[in-house]
C-alpha atoms as a PDB file:
ATOM      1  CA  MET A   1     198.556 -43.664 101.463  1.00  0.00           C
ATOM      2  CA  SER A   2     200.850 -44.520  98.553  1.00  0.00           C
ATOM      3  CA  TRP A   3     200.808 -41.066  96.954  1.00  0.00           C
ATOM      4  CA  GLU A   4     201.151 -37.793  98.776  1.00  0.00           C
ATOM      5  CA  PRO A   5     199.668 -34.767  97.017  1.00  0.00           C
ATOM      6  CA  LEU A   6     201.558 -32.820  95.607  1.00  0.00           C
ATOM      7  CA  LEU A   7     204.464 -35.193  95.059  1.00  0.00           C
ATOM      8  CA  GLY A   8     205.313 -35.243  91.362  1.00  0.00           C
ATOM      9  CA  ALA A   9     202.364 -33.002  90.444  1.00  0.00           C
ATOM     10  CA  TYR A  10     202.143 -30.433  87.650  1.00  0.00           C
ATOM     11  CA  ASP A  11     199.988 -27.322  87.507  1.00  0.00           C
ATOM     12  CA  MET A  12     199.463 -26.436  83.839  1.00  0.00           C
ATOM     13  CA  HIS A  13     197.598 -23.149  84.383  1.00  0.00           C
ATOM     14  CA  LEU A  14     199.140 -20.452  86.568  1.00  0.00           C
ATOM     15  CA  HIS A  15     199.090 -16.643  86.584  1.00  0.00           C
ATOM     16  CA  VAL A  16     201.925 -15.052  88.566  1.00  0.00           C
ATOM     17  CA  GLY A  17     203.889 -11.814  88.512  1.00  0.00           C
ATOM     18  CA  PRO A  18     205.334  -9.812  87.115  1.00  0.00           C
ATOM     19  CA  ASP A  19     202.211  -9.526  84.981  1.00  0.00           C
ATOM     20  CA  THR A  20     199.868  -6.956  83.474  1.00  0.00           C
ATOM     21  CA  ALA A  21     197.443  -7.692  86.314  1.00  0.00           C
ATOM     22  CA  ALA A  22     198.145  -7.808  90.049  1.00  0.00           C
ATOM     23  CA  ARG A  23     199.126 -11.284  91.222  1.00  0.00           C
ATOM     24  CA  TYR A  24     199.565 -13.047  94.543  1.00  0.00           C
ATOM     25  CA  TYR A  25     203.325 -13.297  94.133  1.00  0.00           C
ATOM     26  CA  ASP A  26     206.040 -13.524  91.492  1.00  0.00           C
ATOM     27  CA  SER A  27     207.115 -16.562  89.499  1.00  0.00           C
ATOM     28  CA  ILE A  28     210.260 -17.156  91.549  1.00  0.00           C
ATOM     29  CA  ALA A  29     208.316 -17.287  94.828  1.00  0.00           C
ATOM     30  CA  LEU A  30     205.759 -19.594  93.219  1.00  0.00           C
ATOM     31  CA  ALA A  31     208.387 -21.920  91.761  1.00  0.00           C
ATOM     32  CA  THR A  32     210.167 -22.091  95.111  1.00  0.00           C
ATOM     33  CA  GLU A  33     206.975 -22.992  96.983  1.00  0.00           C
ATOM     34  CA  ALA A  34     205.958 -25.545  94.328  1.00  0.00           C
ATOM     35  CA  ARG A  35     209.385 -27.197  94.364  1.00  0.00           C
ATOM     36  CA  ASP A  36     209.500 -27.341  98.148  1.00  0.00           C
ATOM     37  CA  ALA A  37     206.041 -28.966  98.128  1.00  0.00           C
ATOM     38  CA  GLY A  38     207.388 -31.733  95.900  1.00  0.00           C
ATOM     39  CA  MET A  39     205.784 -30.640  92.654  1.00  0.00           C
ATOM     40  CA  ALA A  40     207.440 -31.663  89.399  1.00  0.00           C
ATOM     41  CA  GLY A  41     206.537 -28.689  87.194  1.00  0.00           C
ATOM     42  CA  ILE A  42     204.439 -25.599  86.504  1.00  0.00           C
ATOM     43  CA  VAL A  43     203.243 -23.768  83.385  1.00  0.00           C
ATOM     44  CA  LEU A  44     203.382 -19.969  83.573  1.00  0.00           C
ATOM     45  CA  LYS A  45     200.569 -18.181  81.735  1.00  0.00           C
ATOM     46  CA  ASP A  46     200.157 -14.485  80.993  1.00  0.00           C
ATOM     47  CA  GLN A  47     197.197 -13.070  79.080  1.00  0.00           C
ATOM     48  CA  MET A  48     198.919 -10.233  77.224  1.00  0.00           C
ATOM     49  CA  VAL A  49     202.589 -11.249  76.867  1.00  0.00           C
ATOM     50  CA  CYS A  50     204.440 -14.474  76.206  1.00  0.00           C
ATOM     51  CA  SER A  51     205.897 -15.999  79.378  1.00  0.00           C
ATOM     52  CA  LEU A  52     209.008 -17.329  77.582  1.00  0.00           C
ATOM     53  CA  THR A  53     211.459 -14.911  79.194  1.00  0.00           C
ATOM     54  CA  LYS A  54     209.825 -15.138  82.623  1.00  0.00           C
ATOM     55  CA  ALA A  55     210.084 -18.918  82.535  1.00  0.00           C
ATOM     56  CA  ALA A  56     213.727 -18.871  81.436  1.00  0.00           C
ATOM     57  CA  LEU A  57     214.754 -16.524  84.251  1.00  0.00           C
ATOM     58  CA  THR A  58     212.721 -18.508  86.785  1.00  0.00           C
ATOM     59  CA  ARG A  59     214.491 -21.725  85.753  1.00  0.00           C
ATOM     60  CA  GLN A  60     217.841 -20.092  86.469  1.00  0.00           C
ATOM     61  CA  ALA A  61     216.686 -18.812  89.854  1.00  0.00           C
ATOM     62  CA  VAL A  62     214.899 -21.962  91.041  1.00  0.00           C
ATOM     63  CA  PRO A  63     216.543 -25.256  90.070  1.00  0.00           C
ATOM     64  CA  GLY A  64     214.908 -28.559  90.878  1.00  0.00           C
ATOM     65  CA  ILE A  65     211.519 -27.997  89.233  1.00  0.00           C
ATOM     66  CA  LYS A  66     210.453 -27.849  85.577  1.00  0.00           C
ATOM     67  CA  ILE A  67     209.241 -24.409  84.478  1.00  0.00           C
ATOM     68  CA  PHE A  68     207.233 -24.249  81.239  1.00  0.00           C
ATOM     69  CA  SER A  69     206.350 -21.176  79.191  1.00  0.00           C
ATOM     70  CA  SER A  70     203.206 -20.431  77.228  1.00  0.00           C
ATOM     71  CA  LEU A  71     201.654 -18.049  74.718  1.00  0.00           C
ATOM     72  CA  ALA A  72     198.040 -16.787  74.802  1.00  0.00           C
ATOM     73  CA  LEU A  73     196.849 -15.672  71.368  1.00  0.00           C
ATOM     74  CA  ASN A  74     195.183 -12.426  72.365  1.00  0.00           C
ATOM     75  CA  GLU A  75     195.754  -9.334  70.234  1.00  0.00           C
ATOM     76  CA  PRO A  76     198.887  -8.037  72.071  1.00  0.00           C
ATOM     77  CA  CYS A  77     200.522 -11.445  71.403  1.00  0.00           C
ATOM     78  CA  GLY A  78     199.621 -11.411  67.715  1.00  0.00           C
ATOM     79  CA  GLY A  79     196.127 -12.862  67.799  1.00  0.00           C
ATOM     80  CA  LEU A  80     195.804 -15.883  65.512  1.00  0.00           C
ATOM     81  CA  SER A  81     199.206 -15.179  63.986  1.00  0.00           C
ATOM     82  CA  VAL A  82     200.909 -18.286  62.621  1.00  0.00           C
ATOM     83  CA  ARG A  83     204.208 -16.404  62.484  1.00  0.00           C
ATOM     84  CA  THR A  84     204.000 -15.530  66.188  1.00  0.00           C
ATOM     85  CA  VAL A  85     203.283 -19.133  67.122  1.00  0.00           C
ATOM     86  CA  ARG A  86     206.126 -20.451  64.985  1.00  0.00           C
ATOM     87  CA  CYS A  87     208.545 -17.933  66.524  1.00  0.00           C
ATOM     88  CA  MET A  88     207.581 -18.769  70.100  1.00  0.00           C
ATOM     89  CA  LEU A  89     207.549 -22.545  69.583  1.00  0.00           C
ATOM     90  CA  GLU A  90     210.961 -22.481  67.957  1.00  0.00           C
ATOM     91  CA  ASN A  91     212.252 -20.575  70.983  1.00  0.00           C
ATOM     92  CA  GLY A  92     210.871 -22.976  73.568  1.00  0.00           C
ATOM     93  CA  VAL A  93     207.200 -22.279  74.329  1.00  0.00           C
ATOM     94  CA  GLN A  94     205.465 -25.503  75.356  1.00  0.00           C
ATOM     95  CA  VAL A  95     201.786 -24.448  75.581  1.00  0.00           C
ATOM     96  CA  VAL A  96     199.818 -22.303  73.114  1.00  0.00           C
ATOM     97  CA  TRP A  97     196.427 -20.972  74.215  1.00  0.00           C
ATOM     98  CA  LEU A  98     193.798 -19.932  71.718  1.00  0.00           C
ATOM     99  CA  PRO A  99     192.345 -16.470  72.522  1.00  0.00           C
ATOM    100  CA  THR A 100     191.219 -15.964  76.092  1.00  0.00           C
ATOM    101  CA  VAL A 101     190.156 -12.432  77.085  1.00  0.00           C
ATOM    102  CA  ASP A 102     189.827 -11.506  73.389  1.00  0.00           C
ATOM    103  CA  ALA A 103     187.728 -14.556  72.479  1.00  0.00           C
ATOM    104  CA  GLU A 104     184.245 -13.637  71.239  1.00  0.00           C
ATOM    105  CA  TYR A 105     182.634 -16.269  73.444  1.00  0.00           C
ATOM    106  CA  SER A 106     184.384 -15.000  76.586  1.00  0.00           C
ATOM    107  CA  VAL A 107     183.498 -11.372  75.902  1.00  0.00           C
ATOM    108  CA  ARG A 108     179.865 -12.278  75.207  1.00  0.00           C
ATOM    109  CA  ARG A 109     179.587 -14.337  78.395  1.00  0.00           C
ATOM    110  CA  GLY A 110     181.078 -11.471  80.396  1.00  0.00           C
ATOM    111  CA  GLU A 111     178.627  -8.991  78.935  1.00  0.00           C
ATOM    112  CA  SER A 112     175.762 -11.318  79.888  1.00  0.00           C
ATOM    113  CA  GLY A 113     176.800 -11.286  83.568  1.00  0.00           C
ATOM    114  CA  HIS A 114     179.323 -14.108  83.951  1.00  0.00           C
ATOM    115  CA  TRP A 115     182.127 -13.390  86.437  1.00  0.00           C
ATOM    116  CA  ILE A 116     184.664 -13.772  83.616  1.00  0.00           C
ATOM    117  CA  ARG A 117     184.022 -10.096  82.887  1.00  0.00           C
ATOM    118  CA  ARG A 118     186.137  -9.141  85.901  1.00  0.00           C
ATOM    119  CA  VAL A 119     189.073 -10.957  84.297  1.00  0.00           C
ATOM    120  CA  SER A 120     188.413  -9.415  80.893  1.00  0.00           C
ATOM    121  CA  ASP A 121     188.068  -5.867  82.202  1.00  0.00           C
ATOM    122  CA  LYS A 122     191.588  -6.022  83.646  1.00  0.00           C
ATOM    123  CA  ASN A 123     192.969  -6.636  80.165  1.00  0.00           C
ATOM    124  CA  PHE A 124     190.980  -4.385  77.808  1.00  0.00           C
ATOM    125  CA  TYR A 125     192.919  -1.168  78.511  1.00  0.00           C
ATOM    126  CA  GLY A 126     190.135   1.088  77.283  1.00  0.00           C
ATOM    127  CA  GLY A 127     190.583   0.723  73.548  1.00  0.00           C
ATOM    128  CA  PRO A 128     188.837  -1.205  70.788  1.00  0.00           C
ATOM    129  CA  PHE A 129     189.694  -4.876  70.741  1.00  0.00           C
ATOM    130  CA  PRO A 130     188.997  -7.826  68.461  1.00  0.00           C
ATOM    131  CA  ARG A 131     186.548 -10.576  69.319  1.00  0.00           C
ATOM    132  CA  TYR A 132     188.208 -13.662  67.930  1.00  0.00           C
ATOM    133  CA  ARG A 133     186.315 -16.663  66.638  1.00  0.00           C
ATOM    134  CA  VAL A 134     188.210 -19.686  65.383  1.00  0.00           C
ATOM    135  CA  ILE A 135     185.493 -20.952  63.058  1.00  0.00           C
ATOM    136  CA  ASP A 136     184.228 -19.599  59.747  1.00  0.00           C
ATOM    137  CA  GLU A 137     180.662 -18.990  58.574  1.00  0.00           C
ATOM    138  CA  LYS A 138     180.324 -22.726  57.839  1.00  0.00           C
ATOM    139  CA  GLY A 139     181.312 -23.616  61.399  1.00  0.00           C
ATOM    140  CA  GLU A 140     184.650 -25.048  60.341  1.00  0.00           C
ATOM    141  CA  CYS A 141     188.042 -24.350  61.899  1.00  0.00           C
ATOM    142  CA  VAL A 142     189.787 -21.400  60.219  1.00  0.00           C
ATOM    143  CA  GLU A 143     192.983 -22.032  58.285  1.00  0.00           C
ATOM    144  CA  SER A 144     195.246 -20.104  60.666  1.00  0.00           C
ATOM    145  CA  VAL A 145     194.221 -22.373  63.542  1.00  0.00           C
ATOM    146  CA  ARG A 146     194.783 -25.470  61.391  1.00  0.00           C
ATOM    147  CA  LYS A 147     198.309 -24.225  60.771  1.00  0.00           C
ATOM    148  CA  ILE A 148     198.782 -23.535  64.478  1.00  0.00           C
ATOM    149  CA  LEU A 149     197.665 -27.093  65.250  1.00  0.00           C
ATOM    150  CA  CYS A 150     200.232 -28.383  62.758  1.00  0.00           C
ATOM    151  CA  LEU A 151     202.979 -26.331  64.374  1.00  0.00           C
ATOM    152  CA  CYS A 152     202.034 -27.601  67.843  1.00  0.00           C
ATOM    153  CA  ALA A 153     202.063 -31.177  66.570  1.00  0.00           C
ATOM    154  CA  LYS A 154     205.467 -30.672  64.948  1.00  0.00           C
ATOM    155  CA  HIS A 155     206.992 -29.280  68.140  1.00  0.00           C
ATOM    156  CA  GLY A 156     205.186 -31.615  70.556  1.00  0.00           C
ATOM    157  CA  ALA A 157     203.510 -28.616  72.171  1.00  0.00           C
ATOM    158  CA  VAL A 158     200.079 -28.454  73.786  1.00  0.00           C
ATOM    159  CA  LEU A 159     197.263 -26.487  72.135  1.00  0.00           C
ATOM    160  CA  ALA A 160     194.868 -25.247  74.840  1.00  0.00           C
ATOM    161  CA  THR A 161     191.480 -23.921  73.773  1.00  0.00           C
ATOM    162  CA  GLY A 162     191.496 -20.739  75.860  1.00  0.00           C
ATOM    163  CA  HIS A 163     188.086 -19.096  76.177  1.00  0.00           C
ATOM    164  CA  ILE A 164     186.438 -20.209  72.946  1.00  0.00           C
ATOM    165  CA  SER A 165     182.939 -21.698  72.828  1.00  0.00           C
ATOM    166  CA  PRO A 166     182.153 -25.411  73.063  1.00  0.00           C
ATOM    167  CA  GLY A 167     181.167 -25.452  69.395  1.00  0.00           C
ATOM    168  CA  GLU A 168     184.502 -23.909  68.464  1.00  0.00           C
ATOM    169  CA  CYS A 169     186.324 -26.454  70.644  1.00  0.00           C
ATOM    170  CA  ILE A 170     184.617 -29.290  68.784  1.00  0.00           C
ATOM    171  CA  ALA A 171     185.472 -27.731  65.410  1.00  0.00           C
ATOM    172  CA  VAL A 172     189.134 -27.418  66.434  1.00  0.00           C
ATOM    173  CA  LEU A 173     189.182 -31.041  67.611  1.00  0.00           C
ATOM    174  CA  GLU A 174     187.590 -32.239  64.387  1.00  0.00           C
ATOM    175  CA  ALA A 175     190.221 -30.351  62.403  1.00  0.00           C
ATOM    176  CA  ASN A 176     192.891 -31.937  64.591  1.00  0.00           C
ATOM    177  CA  ARG A 177     191.867 -35.531  63.820  1.00  0.00           C
ATOM    178  CA  ASP A 178     194.283 -35.719  60.896  1.00  0.00           C
ATOM    179  CA  ILE A 179     196.912 -33.510  62.575  1.00  0.00           C
ATOM    180  CA  GLY A 180     197.400 -35.130  65.959  1.00  0.00           C
ATOM    181  CA  ALA A 181     198.301 -32.197  68.192  1.00  0.00           C
ATOM    182  CA  LYS A 182     197.820 -32.550  71.951  1.00  0.00           C
ATOM    183  CA  VAL A 183     194.675 -30.524  72.772  1.00  0.00           C
ATOM    184  CA  VAL A 184     193.497 -29.481  76.230  1.00  0.00           C
ATOM    185  CA  VAL A 185     190.017 -27.980  76.634  1.00  0.00           C
ATOM    186  CA  THR A 186     190.606 -25.094  79.014  1.00  0.00           C
ATOM    187  CA  HIS A 187     188.568 -24.985  82.255  1.00  0.00           C
ATOM    188  CA  PRO A 188     185.174 -26.060  80.899  1.00  0.00           C
ATOM    189  CA  ASN A 189     184.006 -26.224  84.513  1.00  0.00           C
ATOM    190  CA  ILE A 190     183.763 -22.426  84.712  1.00  0.00           C
ATOM    191  CA  TRP A 191     180.857 -22.493  82.241  1.00  0.00           C
ATOM    192  CA  LEU A 192     179.221 -25.888  82.511  1.00  0.00           C
ATOM    193  CA  ASP A 193     175.885 -24.419  81.438  1.00  0.00           C
ATOM    194  CA  ASP A 194     177.331 -24.394  77.911  1.00  0.00           C
ATOM    195  CA  PHE A 195     179.954 -27.148  78.211  1.00  0.00           C
ATOM    196  CA  THR A 196     177.375 -29.840  78.868  1.00  0.00           C
ATOM    197  CA  PRO A 197     178.290 -33.452  79.697  1.00  0.00           C
ATOM    198  CA  GLU A 198     177.248 -34.478  76.184  1.00  0.00           C
ATOM    199  CA  LYS A 199     179.582 -31.914  74.615  1.00  0.00           C
ATOM    200  CA  LEU A 200     182.422 -32.864  76.949  1.00  0.00           C
ATOM    201  CA  ARG A 201     182.018 -36.522  75.982  1.00  0.00           C
ATOM    202  CA  ARG A 202     182.132 -35.509  72.328  1.00  0.00           C
ATOM    203  CA  MET A 203     185.373 -33.627  72.962  1.00  0.00           C
ATOM    204  CA  THR A 204     187.010 -36.575  74.690  1.00  0.00           C
ATOM    205  CA  ALA A 205     185.869 -38.865  71.863  1.00  0.00           C
ATOM    206  CA  LEU A 206     187.775 -36.519  69.550  1.00  0.00           C
ATOM    207  CA  GLY A 207     190.911 -36.896  71.673  1.00  0.00           C
ATOM    208  CA  ALA A 208     190.718 -33.899  74.008  1.00  0.00           C
ATOM    209  CA  THR A 209     191.982 -33.747  77.556  1.00  0.00           C
ATOM    210  CA  LEU A 210     189.623 -31.767  79.809  1.00  0.00           C
ATOM    211  CA  GLU A 211     191.083 -29.372  82.372  1.00  0.00           C
ATOM    212  CA  PHE A 212     189.137 -28.757  85.589  1.00  0.00           C
ATOM    213  CA  VAL A 213     190.403 -25.844  87.691  1.00  0.00           C
ATOM    214  CA  THR A 214     189.875 -24.601  91.235  1.00  0.00           C
ATOM    215  CA  SER A 215     188.729 -21.101  90.196  1.00  0.00           C
ATOM    216  CA  CYS A 216     185.044 -21.971  90.233  1.00  0.00           C
ATOM    217  CA  ILE A 217     184.951 -23.345  93.772  1.00  0.00           C
ATOM    218  CA  TYR A 218     185.377 -19.842  95.250  1.00  0.00           C
ATOM    219  CA  PRO A 219     182.202 -17.952  96.272  1.00  0.00           C
ATOM    220  CA  ASN A 220     183.012 -15.053  93.923  1.00  0.00           C
ATOM    221  CA  ARG A 221     183.668 -17.478  91.035  1.00  0.00           C
ATOM    222  CA  GLY A 222     180.451 -19.477  90.924  1.00  0.00           C
ATOM    223  CA  ALA A 223     181.138 -21.758  93.918  1.00  0.00           C
ATOM    224  CA  LEU A 224     180.417 -25.045  92.161  1.00  0.00           C
ATOM    225  CA  GLN A 225     180.217 -28.006  94.503  1.00  0.00           C
ATOM    226  CA  VAL A 226     183.299 -30.199  94.324  1.00  0.00           C
ATOM    227  CA  ARG A 227     181.095 -33.289  94.629  1.00  0.00           C
ATOM    228  CA  ASP A 228     179.394 -32.289  91.356  1.00  0.00           C
ATOM    229  CA  LEU A 229     182.752 -31.947  89.611  1.00  0.00           C
ATOM    230  CA  ALA A 230     183.847 -35.310  91.006  1.00  0.00           C
ATOM    231  CA  GLY A 231     180.653 -36.897  89.744  1.00  0.00           C
ATOM    232  CA  LEU A 232     181.199 -35.493  86.278  1.00  0.00           C
ATOM    233  CA  MET A 233     184.770 -36.776  86.272  1.00  0.00           C
ATOM    234  CA  ARG A 234     183.575 -40.242  87.253  1.00  0.00           C
ATOM    235  CA  ASP A 235     180.871 -40.232  84.567  1.00  0.00           C
ATOM    236  CA  ILE A 236     183.187 -39.157  81.736  1.00  0.00           C
ATOM    237  CA  GLY A 237     186.262 -40.972  83.036  1.00  0.00           C
ATOM    238  CA  PRO A 238     189.070 -39.468  85.151  1.00  0.00           C
ATOM    239  CA  GLU A 239     191.589 -40.599  82.524  1.00  0.00           C
ATOM    240  CA  HIS A 240     190.318 -37.759  80.308  1.00  0.00           C
ATOM    241  CA  PHE A 241     191.066 -34.990  82.849  1.00  0.00           C
ATOM    242  CA  ILE A 242     193.867 -32.923  84.304  1.00  0.00           C
ATOM    243  CA  LEU A 243     193.619 -30.783  87.434  1.00  0.00           C
ATOM    244  CA  SER A 244     194.949 -27.220  87.441  1.00  0.00           C
ATOM    245  CA  THR A 245     194.365 -24.143  89.561  1.00  0.00           C
ATOM    246  CA  ASP A 246     194.213 -21.179  87.152  1.00  0.00           C
ATOM    247  CA  GLY A 247     195.621 -19.632  90.292  1.00  0.00           C
ATOM    248  CA  GLY A 248     197.693 -16.657  91.310  1.00  0.00           C
ATOM    249  CA  ASP A 249     195.008 -14.065  92.066  1.00  0.00           C
ATOM    250  CA  HIS A 250     194.814 -12.087  95.290  1.00  0.00           C
ATOM    251  CA  GLY A 251     192.268 -13.333  97.800  1.00  0.00           C
ATOM    252  CA  ARG A 252     192.872 -17.025  97.173  1.00  0.00           C
ATOM    253  CA  LEU A 253     195.176 -19.686  98.542  1.00  0.00           C
ATOM    254  CA  THR A 254     198.552 -20.014  96.900  1.00  0.00           C
ATOM    255  CA  PRO A 255     198.371 -22.297  93.844  1.00  0.00           C
ATOM    256  CA  PRO A 256     200.170 -25.258  95.496  1.00  0.00           C
ATOM    257  CA  GLN A 257     197.856 -24.972  98.500  1.00  0.00           C
ATOM    258  CA  GLU A 258     194.835 -24.851  96.179  1.00  0.00           C
ATOM    259  CA  LEU A 259     195.933 -27.872  94.177  1.00  0.00           C
ATOM    260  CA  ARG A 260     196.600 -29.899  97.320  1.00  0.00           C
ATOM    261  CA  LEU A 261     193.163 -28.995  98.706  1.00  0.00           C
ATOM    262  CA  PHE A 262     191.480 -29.872  95.393  1.00  0.00           C
ATOM    263  CA  CYS A 263     193.153 -33.286  95.418  1.00  0.00           C
ATOM    264  CA  PHE A 264     191.993 -34.042  98.952  1.00  0.00           C
ATOM    265  CA  MET A 265     188.437 -32.814  98.338  1.00  0.00           C
ATOM    266  CA  LEU A 266     188.075 -34.920  95.198  1.00  0.00           C
ATOM    267  CA  GLN A 267     189.218 -37.991  97.113  1.00  0.00           C
ATOM    268  CA  GLN A 268     186.698 -37.204  99.846  1.00  0.00           C
ATOM    269  CA  CYS A 269     184.067 -37.076  97.097  1.00  0.00           C
ATOM    270  CA  GLY A 270     184.862 -40.593  95.944  1.00  0.00           C
ATOM    271  CA  LEU A 271     187.671 -40.402  93.422  1.00  0.00           C
ATOM    272  CA  THR A 272     190.494 -42.808  94.148  1.00  0.00           C
ATOM    273  CA  GLU A 273     194.014 -41.865  95.048  1.00  0.00           C
ATOM    274  CA  GLY A 274     195.214 -43.366  91.766  1.00  0.00           C
ATOM    275  CA  GLU A 275     192.697 -41.367  89.737  1.00  0.00           C
ATOM    276  CA  VAL A 276     193.731 -38.107  91.363  1.00  0.00           C
ATOM    277  CA  GLU A 277     197.398 -38.936  90.862  1.00  0.00           C
ATOM    278  CA  HIS A 278     196.727 -39.614  87.178  1.00  0.00           C
ATOM    279  CA  MET A 279     195.046 -36.222  86.752  1.00  0.00           C
ATOM    280  CA  THR A 280     197.764 -34.243  88.538  1.00  0.00           C
ATOM    281  CA  CYS A 281     200.920 -36.184  87.695  1.00  0.00           C
ATOM    282  CA  ILE A 282     200.705 -38.765  84.940  1.00  0.00           C
ATOM    283  CA  ARG A 283     198.546 -37.095  82.304  1.00  0.00           C
ATOM    284  CA  PRO A 284     200.155 -33.627  82.663  1.00  0.00           C
ATOM    285  CA  ALA A 285     203.599 -35.223  82.360  1.00  0.00           C
ATOM    286  CA  GLU A 286     202.487 -36.923  79.140  1.00  0.00           C
ATOM    287  CA  LEU A 287     201.164 -33.672  77.739  1.00  0.00           C
ATOM    288  CA  LEU A 288     204.365 -31.781  78.592  1.00  0.00           C
ATOM    289  CA  GLY A 289     206.675 -34.499  77.284  1.00  0.00           C
ATOM    290  CA  CYS A 290     208.077 -35.426  80.690  1.00  0.00           C
ATOM    291  CA  THR A 291     207.659 -39.193  80.564  1.00  0.00           C
ATOM    292  CA  ASP A 292     211.280 -40.281  80.224  1.00  0.00           C
END
């Protein structure tokens, strides 16, 4: 074996404490475990606050691994506020997520019985909340998101689609054709009934990177068969994917353990060692600007 998972790997989707929801452990413990496992970097994500300060303090506490911060554009973080995005990017945020728990699509899917409701309910806090859509009545990307794409392109940051619908993802990618930001479609494998292979191919044709996460292989998260995910990756092309965990919840493996297991299972399902390495090391490093 020429590559040992997790050597040089990145996990671009992690939820760890301190956070507004209970997490498996804090960011310092996570960073220490990831570094000791040979990982190159991690992206810290919170739903209701920017992780900029958490990431900065974690970098000081745990040298030897790259720690990236992110901003999720839910209402407590300013929603689709261009000013908020500009402020955070100019102070070091590397990943901007379009709305997640406050996205109209995510709320609607939760209300229809999808397990995502358990995630959303932790973050509603009992009051009225917006249901963000990033397209207008004509189905075109709204101006604030166009400006956010421009800011991400200017700063070399990643724009992740959060929990918006496949149609909204395509509209954002079409708007991005003349902008050139790096766009990651967030965990489409948690709702493949809507994110069909045809739509995923359309997204990659528009320049998107697709993120598959380990969340959905747990029995309480849909329990999709890994062989089906591997088959979809082969059909679309592994070069269009990254692997993340969306990890940090109680009742699961630690994120580095999950990512290692995902890598091994995908190889057992027919993906090559080089393909898995590309999805966990090479493409994430390109997205995060770590290809010196």
